[in-house]
Amino acid sequence: MTILSLEKARRLLCRMQDCIRDAVLAARRRDRRILSGIAAVTAADTIYQVDRVAEKAIMDWFATEWPRRWPVELVMEGLEDQPFPTTFPLGAPVKNTLFKCIIDPIDGTRLFMEDKRSAWILTGLAPQRGTRNSLGDIVLAVMTELPASKQWRSDQLSAVRGGSLCASGQDLRTGRRERLSLRPSQARDFKHGFSTVIRFFPDGLTLLAEFEEALWAEMHKGVKGDSPVVFNDQYISTGGQVYELIAGHDRMIADLRPLAFQRLGIPEKLVCHPYDICTALLLEAAGGVVETPDGKPLREPLDTISPVSWVGYANSHLARKIRPILRRLCRERLGNKNRESRS
């Protein structure tokens, strides 16, 4: 794709997310209680009625607004159990599509349903490579905020690979949109800032908490005087976590649930999946770092079921500072037991 084509696609997907947001917020205004009903349980996740509202908005938009000259395959939670791939124009053979578009219609559904904190719409676009597609192929990403009802502004972030971050906030009362200046933290250490090892479910809670305690003990070994305060924020949305890094609120976020669950023999369902982290490109465009726990690029398949362990840093200095410690502790504390017993 040319830069001009990517830019057009970016604007199109921003408009798509505006449509999804407006449909979901309108449904909440009509009756928030209905949206919390369970609609289905799929291989990827539990699907609530509010997810169905978002899914319908997506399907309608692609059917009417996506350019027919750019055939696309849609990858989205809720479509896993369909007998055939979902493509636009409808029915187009996958082999004839130019793009693969991966979407999380609502990342943070429970937060939104309880009107507790913002959820996010997430989208990544990649050239079609069939089963070889991975997170590393994403060339364009967009995320749009689904705010709590007391909040009047909805932020939207987008970028194409190799370009700068585009950020805006829309006043939901007037429709007026203004540019935002967002920048990850430039801190040189983790003291007195927010950095989190994700563990918001009971499963694996003890192991991950012990890991985090050991991480900061190693990171600040030999520090004299008061304990170096590191704050923890369990934002139950991967998109929200990425936003907090981009906005300068957090310095590091490590989601190691797949490693911990594998260690404990827990099914890897309640973990991060590729559709949850499909907007990692935005943090990179803002100057941050996103990688695997051992410091490699994310290369998981573009699907809704593969487990993803990832670490995000506000800047490369912080990444270099803690990466060796985090990598070693992952090996020592979260390594596979069976593999260790054979070695």
Foldseek 3Di string as FASTA:
>chain_A
DDPVVQVVVQVLVVVLLVQLLVQLVVVVVVPLVQQQDFDDQDLFGTHTNSNVSLVVSNVVCLCPPPDQVAKEWEFEPVCPPPPDTAIPVGPDDLVPHQKYKYWYSWFQVVCQSVLNFKIKIKMFMFTDPDFQAFLVRTFKIKMKINGRPVDQKIKIWIDGPPAAIWIWIAGNVPRDIDTDDAAFAPDLEQFPAEAEAADPDPVLNVLSVVLVVVLQCVLCPPDDDDRRDYHYDHRRALVVVLVCRRRHRHFKYWYCVVLSCLQVVHDPRPADDCNRCSRVSNLVSNAKDKDALQRHHGTHTSHSNDHGTMMIGSHVSHCVSRSVVSSVSCCVRRNHPVVVVVD
